């Protein structure tokens, strides 16, 4: 039978190799891989894409933000939201419809293209029940927008102005349109 001292000695035999392996795993990756990534990044930044060139030629937004939207019932009795805005093309817009009676929400993330946006379908496969719905169309906060959009609206949305503009929950500014929609004949 092993004594307490012998058991401690065997424990160290197991623990030391494990610690040695763990220490080896925590080392930083070799620098040559990082150099290759940096070279790639440098190459990309030295030859901007057409969209980056277009974005750099765009001036900051000076007009108040406008968003117009409407809700349509689809043939399958679910909903579609379409609209237009003066936000720059590529702006990511979150469209949300909430059933007032139950608080059930449906969301779709879409992008502005040629000044327009569209999102669908909203509602369960069986169609939305008759009733009242709250609709919101919100530009994602500036820090979450693509770089080309930030070039126009500002890094924190500082170029956004007008009655639809408000401070975002976390940082920066955003623009939101809210309205009510009634489905069916309730």
C-alpha atoms as a PDB file:
ATOM      1  CA  UNK A   1       0.000   0.000   0.000  1.00  0.00           C
ATOM      2  CA  UNK A   2       1.313   3.455  -0.957  1.00  0.00           C
ATOM      3  CA  UNK A   3       2.020   6.017   1.724  1.00  0.00           C
ATOM      4  CA  UNK A   4       0.717   9.568   1.607  1.00  0.00           C
ATOM      5  CA  UNK A   5       4.144  10.827   0.506  1.00  0.00           C
ATOM      6  CA  UNK A   6       4.308   8.363  -2.411  1.00  0.00           C
ATOM      7  CA  UNK A   7       0.815   9.394  -3.589  1.00  0.00           C
ATOM      8  CA  UNK A   8       1.855  13.079  -3.542  1.00  0.00           C
ATOM      9  CA  UNK A   9       4.933  12.254  -5.601  1.00  0.00           C
ATOM     10  CA  UNK A  10       2.845  10.436  -8.215  1.00  0.00           C
ATOM     11  CA  UNK A  11       0.404  13.382  -8.350  1.00  0.00           C
ATOM     12  CA  UNK A  12       3.237  15.708  -9.330  1.00  0.00           C
ATOM     13  CA  UNK A  13       4.281  13.276 -12.041  1.00  0.00           C
ATOM     14  CA  UNK A  14       0.809  13.678 -13.608  1.00  0.00           C
ATOM     15  CA  UNK A  15       0.293  17.382 -12.861  1.00  0.00           C
ATOM     16  CA  UNK A  16       3.649  18.692 -14.147  1.00  0.00           C
ATOM     17  CA  UNK A  17       3.282  17.349 -17.716  1.00  0.00           C
ATOM     18  CA  UNK A  18      -0.296  18.673 -17.872  1.00  0.00           C
ATOM     19  CA  UNK A  19       0.831  22.134 -16.762  1.00  0.00           C
ATOM     20  CA  UNK A  20       3.713  22.035 -19.238  1.00  0.00           C
ATOM     21  CA  UNK A  21       1.318  21.184 -22.116  1.00  0.00           C
ATOM     22  CA  UNK A  22      -1.138  23.902 -21.039  1.00  0.00           C
ATOM     23  CA  UNK A  23       1.667  26.474 -20.901  1.00  0.00           C
ATOM     24  CA  UNK A  24       2.754  25.474 -24.401  1.00  0.00           C
ATOM     25  CA  UNK A  25      -0.823  25.907 -25.673  1.00  0.00           C
ATOM     26  CA  UNK A  26      -1.088  29.429 -24.321  1.00  0.00           C
ATOM     27  CA  UNK A  27       1.787  30.823 -26.362  1.00  0.00           C
ATOM     28  CA  UNK A  28       0.933  33.369 -29.020  1.00  0.00           C
ATOM     29  CA  UNK A  29       0.851  32.138 -32.611  1.00  0.00           C
ATOM     30  CA  UNK A  30       4.009  32.555 -34.594  1.00  0.00           C
ATOM     31  CA  UNK A  31       4.488  36.023 -36.044  1.00  0.00           C
ATOM     32  CA  UNK A  32       4.801  34.981 -39.737  1.00  0.00           C
ATOM     33  CA  UNK A  33       1.059  34.210 -39.925  1.00  0.00           C
ATOM     34  CA  UNK A  34       0.236  37.650 -38.560  1.00  0.00           C
ATOM     35  CA  UNK A  35       2.582  39.233 -41.104  1.00  0.00           C
ATOM     36  CA  UNK A  36       0.735  37.512 -43.958  1.00  0.00           C
ATOM     37  CA  UNK A  37      -2.609  38.841 -42.637  1.00  0.00           C
ATOM     38  CA  UNK A  38      -1.166  42.322 -42.318  1.00  0.00           C
ATOM     39  CA  UNK A  39       0.149  42.157 -45.871  1.00  0.00           C
ATOM     40  CA  UNK A  40      -3.274  41.131 -47.123  1.00  0.00           C
ATOM     41  CA  UNK A  41      -4.920  43.958 -45.201  1.00  0.00           C
ATOM     42  CA  UNK A  42      -2.398  46.426 -46.628  1.00  0.00           C
ATOM     43  CA  UNK A  43      -3.071  45.179 -50.140  1.00  0.00           C
ATOM     44  CA  UNK A  44      -6.817  45.578 -49.650  1.00  0.00           C
ATOM     45  CA  UNK A  45      -6.507  49.100 -48.288  1.00  0.00           C
ATOM     46  CA  UNK A  46      -4.145  50.147 -51.075  1.00  0.00           C
ATOM     47  CA  UNK A  47      -6.601  49.099 -53.770  1.00  0.00           C
ATOM     48  CA  UNK A  48     -10.079  50.224 -52.642  1.00  0.00           C
ATOM     49  CA  UNK A  49     -13.129  48.689 -54.230  1.00  0.00           C
ATOM     50  CA  UNK A  50     -15.505  50.667 -56.397  1.00  0.00           C
ATOM     51  CA  UNK A  51     -17.995  51.002 -53.528  1.00  0.00           C
ATOM     52  CA  UNK A  52     -15.273  52.423 -51.245  1.00  0.00           C
ATOM     53  CA  UNK A  53     -14.328  54.948 -53.933  1.00  0.00           C
ATOM     54  CA  UNK A  54     -17.995  55.915 -54.368  1.00  0.00           C
ATOM     55  CA  UNK A  55     -18.432  56.291 -50.605  1.00  0.00           C
ATOM     56  CA  UNK A  56     -15.412  58.574 -50.315  1.00  0.00           C
ATOM     57  CA  UNK A  57     -16.903  60.873 -52.954  1.00  0.00           C
ATOM     58  CA  UNK A  58     -20.228  61.148 -51.077  1.00  0.00           C
ATOM     59  CA  UNK A  59     -20.697  64.151 -48.842  1.00  0.00           C
ATOM     60  CA  UNK A  60     -22.166  64.035 -45.338  1.00  0.00           C
ATOM     61  CA  UNK A  61     -25.955  63.987 -45.094  1.00  0.00           C
ATOM     62  CA  UNK A  62     -27.445  67.466 -44.582  1.00  0.00           C
ATOM     63  CA  UNK A  63     -31.199  66.979 -45.172  1.00  0.00           C
ATOM     64  CA  UNK A  64     -33.553  65.810 -42.413  1.00  0.00           C
ATOM     65  CA  UNK A  65     -34.110  62.034 -42.505  1.00  0.00           C
ATOM     66  CA  UNK A  66     -37.301  60.945 -44.231  1.00  0.00           C
ATOM     67  CA  UNK A  67     -38.798  57.471 -44.020  1.00  0.00           C
ATOM     68  CA  UNK A  68     -42.137  56.536 -45.543  1.00  0.00           C
ATOM     69  CA  UNK A  69     -43.576  53.041 -45.182  1.00  0.00           C
ATOM     70  CA  UNK A  70     -46.746  51.103 -45.746  1.00  0.00           C
ATOM     71  CA  UNK A  71     -48.015  47.671 -44.795  1.00  0.00           C
ATOM     72  CA  UNK A  72     -49.665  45.383 -47.328  1.00  0.00           C
ATOM     73  CA  UNK A  73     -51.509  42.128 -46.762  1.00  0.00           C
ATOM     74  CA  UNK A  74     -50.034  39.347 -48.887  1.00  0.00           C
ATOM     75  CA  UNK A  75     -52.187  36.673 -50.551  1.00  0.00           C
ATOM     76  CA  UNK A  76     -51.186  34.239 -47.761  1.00  0.00           C
ATOM     77  CA  UNK A  77     -52.528  36.756 -45.160  1.00  0.00           C
ATOM     78  CA  UNK A  78     -49.093  37.577 -43.857  1.00  0.00           C
ATOM     79  CA  UNK A  79     -47.757  41.118 -44.063  1.00  0.00           C
ATOM     80  CA  UNK A  80     -45.227  42.947 -46.222  1.00  0.00           C
ATOM     81  CA  UNK A  81     -43.674  46.341 -45.433  1.00  0.00           C
ATOM     82  CA  UNK A  82     -42.354  48.534 -48.246  1.00  0.00           C
ATOM     83  CA  UNK A  83     -41.079  52.061 -48.173  1.00  0.00           C
ATOM     84  CA  UNK A  84     -38.699  54.733 -49.269  1.00  0.00           C
ATOM     85  CA  UNK A  85     -36.140  56.908 -47.525  1.00  0.00           C
ATOM     86  CA  UNK A  86     -33.428  59.437 -48.144  1.00  0.00           C
ATOM     87  CA  UNK A  87     -30.973  57.403 -46.061  1.00  0.00           C
ATOM     88  CA  UNK A  88     -27.995  56.315 -48.164  1.00  0.00           C
ATOM     89  CA  UNK A  89     -28.105  53.099 -50.162  1.00  0.00           C
ATOM     90  CA  UNK A  90     -26.726  50.216 -48.128  1.00  0.00           C
ATOM     91  CA  UNK A  91     -28.242  51.475 -44.863  1.00  0.00           C
ATOM     92  CA  UNK A  92     -29.337  48.496 -42.773  1.00  0.00           C
ATOM     93  CA  UNK A  93     -32.926  48.894 -41.627  1.00  0.00           C
ATOM     94  CA  UNK A  94     -34.747  46.779 -39.024  1.00  0.00           C
ATOM     95  CA  UNK A  95     -38.459  46.457 -39.715  1.00  0.00           C
ATOM     96  CA  UNK A  96     -40.567  45.192 -36.807  1.00  0.00           C
ATOM     97  CA  UNK A  97     -44.266  44.454 -36.492  1.00  0.00           C
ATOM     98  CA  UNK A  98     -45.750  43.778 -33.045  1.00  0.00           C
ATOM     99  CA  UNK A  99     -49.237  42.474 -32.389  1.00  0.00           C
ATOM    100  CA  UNK A 100     -50.582  44.845 -29.724  1.00  0.00           C
ATOM    101  CA  UNK A 101     -52.928  42.279 -28.121  1.00  0.00           C
ATOM    102  CA  UNK A 102     -50.235  39.662 -27.455  1.00  0.00           C
ATOM    103  CA  UNK A 103     -46.879  41.437 -27.771  1.00  0.00           C
ATOM    104  CA  UNK A 104     -45.726  38.891 -30.370  1.00  0.00           C
ATOM    105  CA  UNK A 105     -43.108  40.454 -32.652  1.00  0.00           C
ATOM    106  CA  UNK A 106     -41.693  39.673 -36.074  1.00  0.00           C
ATOM    107  CA  UNK A 107     -38.500  41.334 -37.331  1.00  0.00           C
ATOM    108  CA  UNK A 108     -36.636  41.504 -40.613  1.00  0.00           C
ATOM    109  CA  UNK A 109     -33.317  43.178 -41.349  1.00  0.00           C
ATOM    110  CA  UNK A 110     -33.140  44.671 -44.825  1.00  0.00           C
ATOM    111  CA  UNK A 111     -31.068  47.235 -46.748  1.00  0.00           C
ATOM    112  CA  UNK A 112     -31.928  50.416 -48.565  1.00  0.00           C
ATOM    113  CA  UNK A 113     -31.428  50.044 -52.326  1.00  0.00           C
ATOM    114  CA  UNK A 114     -32.100  52.922 -54.723  1.00  0.00           C
ATOM    115  CA  UNK A 115     -33.830  54.766 -51.867  1.00  0.00           C
ATOM    116  CA  UNK A 116     -36.281  51.908 -51.224  1.00  0.00           C
ATOM    117  CA  UNK A 117     -36.636  48.984 -48.835  1.00  0.00           C
ATOM    118  CA  UNK A 118     -38.894  45.959 -48.533  1.00  0.00           C
ATOM    119  CA  UNK A 119     -39.317  43.258 -45.889  1.00  0.00           C
ATOM    120  CA  UNK A 120     -41.521  40.184 -45.771  1.00  0.00           C
ATOM    121  CA  UNK A 121     -43.157  37.940 -44.660  1.00  0.00           C
ATOM    122  CA  UNK A 122     -44.380  39.008 -41.234  1.00  0.00           C
ATOM    123  CA  UNK A 123     -46.632  36.731 -39.235  1.00  0.00           C
ATOM    124  CA  UNK A 124     -47.203  33.020 -38.774  1.00  0.00           C
ATOM    125  CA  UNK A 125     -47.669  30.700 -41.741  1.00  0.00           C
ATOM    126  CA  UNK A 126     -51.426  30.765 -41.170  1.00  0.00           C
ATOM    127  CA  UNK A 127     -51.529  34.548 -41.569  1.00  0.00           C
ATOM    128  CA  UNK A 128     -51.827  37.356 -39.045  1.00  0.00           C
ATOM    129  CA  UNK A 129     -54.953  37.519 -36.892  1.00  0.00           C
ATOM    130  CA  UNK A 130     -57.212  40.539 -37.248  1.00  0.00           C
ATOM    131  CA  UNK A 131     -56.282  43.320 -34.866  1.00  0.00           C
ATOM    132  CA  UNK A 132     -53.973  46.195 -34.080  1.00  0.00           C
ATOM    133  CA  UNK A 133     -50.263  46.131 -34.881  1.00  0.00           C
ATOM    134  CA  UNK A 134     -47.416  48.526 -34.049  1.00  0.00           C
ATOM    135  CA  UNK A 135     -44.936  48.942 -36.895  1.00  0.00           C
ATOM    136  CA  UNK A 136     -41.437  50.400 -36.664  1.00  0.00           C
ATOM    137  CA  UNK A 137     -38.805  50.976 -39.319  1.00  0.00           C
ATOM    138  CA  UNK A 138     -35.418  51.776 -37.739  1.00  0.00           C
ATOM    139  CA  UNK A 139     -32.023  52.429 -39.218  1.00  0.00           C
ATOM    140  CA  UNK A 140     -29.531  50.399 -37.220  1.00  0.00           C
ATOM    141  CA  UNK A 141     -27.256  52.586 -35.075  1.00  0.00           C
ATOM    142  CA  UNK A 142     -24.449  54.231 -37.012  1.00  0.00           C
ATOM    143  CA  UNK A 143     -21.685  52.125 -35.455  1.00  0.00           C
ATOM    144  CA  UNK A 144     -23.414  48.980 -36.827  1.00  0.00           C
ATOM    145  CA  UNK A 145     -23.792  50.333 -40.374  1.00  0.00           C
ATOM    146  CA  UNK A 146     -21.438  49.523 -43.269  1.00  0.00           C
ATOM    147  CA  UNK A 147     -18.478  51.891 -43.662  1.00  0.00           C
ATOM    148  CA  UNK A 148     -19.896  53.512 -46.818  1.00  0.00           C
ATOM    149  CA  UNK A 149     -23.068  54.434 -44.890  1.00  0.00           C
ATOM    150  CA  UNK A 150     -21.079  55.787 -41.919  1.00  0.00           C
ATOM    151  CA  UNK A 151     -19.183  58.006 -44.370  1.00  0.00           C
ATOM    152  CA  UNK A 152     -22.489  59.751 -45.144  1.00  0.00           C
ATOM    153  CA  UNK A 153     -24.334  59.674 -41.790  1.00  0.00           C
ATOM    154  CA  UNK A 154     -21.270  60.042 -39.546  1.00  0.00           C
ATOM    155  CA  UNK A 155     -19.403  57.509 -37.412  1.00  0.00           C
ATOM    156  CA  UNK A 156     -21.948  57.968 -34.611  1.00  0.00           C
ATOM    157  CA  UNK A 157     -24.808  59.245 -36.779  1.00  0.00           C
ATOM    158  CA  UNK A 158     -23.911  62.866 -36.057  1.00  0.00           C
ATOM    159  CA  UNK A 159     -25.090  63.942 -39.551  1.00  0.00           C
ATOM    160  CA  UNK A 160     -28.587  62.532 -38.984  1.00  0.00           C
ATOM    161  CA  UNK A 161     -31.195  65.182 -38.225  1.00  0.00           C
ATOM    162  CA  UNK A 162     -34.944  65.673 -38.190  1.00  0.00           C
ATOM    163  CA  UNK A 163     -37.938  64.548 -36.170  1.00  0.00           C
ATOM    164  CA  UNK A 164     -37.287  60.817 -36.783  1.00  0.00           C
ATOM    165  CA  UNK A 165     -33.782  60.986 -35.266  1.00  0.00           C
ATOM    166  CA  UNK A 166     -33.044  60.001 -31.677  1.00  0.00           C
ATOM    167  CA  UNK A 167     -30.180  58.726 -29.560  1.00  0.00           C
ATOM    168  CA  UNK A 168     -29.579  54.991 -29.976  1.00  0.00           C
ATOM    169  CA  UNK A 169     -29.810  52.755 -26.896  1.00  0.00           C
ATOM    170  CA  UNK A 170     -26.091  52.134 -26.669  1.00  0.00           C
ATOM    171  CA  UNK A 171     -24.272  54.847 -28.582  1.00  0.00           C
ATOM    172  CA  UNK A 172     -24.731  57.193 -31.480  1.00  0.00           C
ATOM    173  CA  UNK A 173     -27.899  58.211 -33.259  1.00  0.00           C
ATOM    174  CA  UNK A 174     -30.533  56.414 -35.280  1.00  0.00           C
ATOM    175  CA  UNK A 175     -33.735  57.232 -37.176  1.00  0.00           C
ATOM    176  CA  UNK A 176     -37.059  55.488 -36.543  1.00  0.00           C
ATOM    177  CA  UNK A 177     -40.534  55.708 -38.041  1.00  0.00           C
ATOM    178  CA  UNK A 178     -43.379  54.295 -35.911  1.00  0.00           C
ATOM    179  CA  UNK A 179     -47.009  53.875 -36.890  1.00  0.00           C
ATOM    180  CA  UNK A 180     -50.052  51.688 -36.270  1.00  0.00           C
ATOM    181  CA  UNK A 181     -51.664  49.224 -38.652  1.00  0.00           C
ATOM    182  CA  UNK A 182     -55.020  47.478 -38.389  1.00  0.00           C
ATOM    183  CA  UNK A 183     -55.422  44.053 -39.971  1.00  0.00           C
ATOM    184  CA  UNK A 184     -58.854  42.771 -40.941  1.00  0.00           C
ATOM    185  CA  UNK A 185     -62.124  44.194 -39.689  1.00  0.00           C
ATOM    186  CA  UNK A 186     -61.768  44.175 -35.910  1.00  0.00           C
END
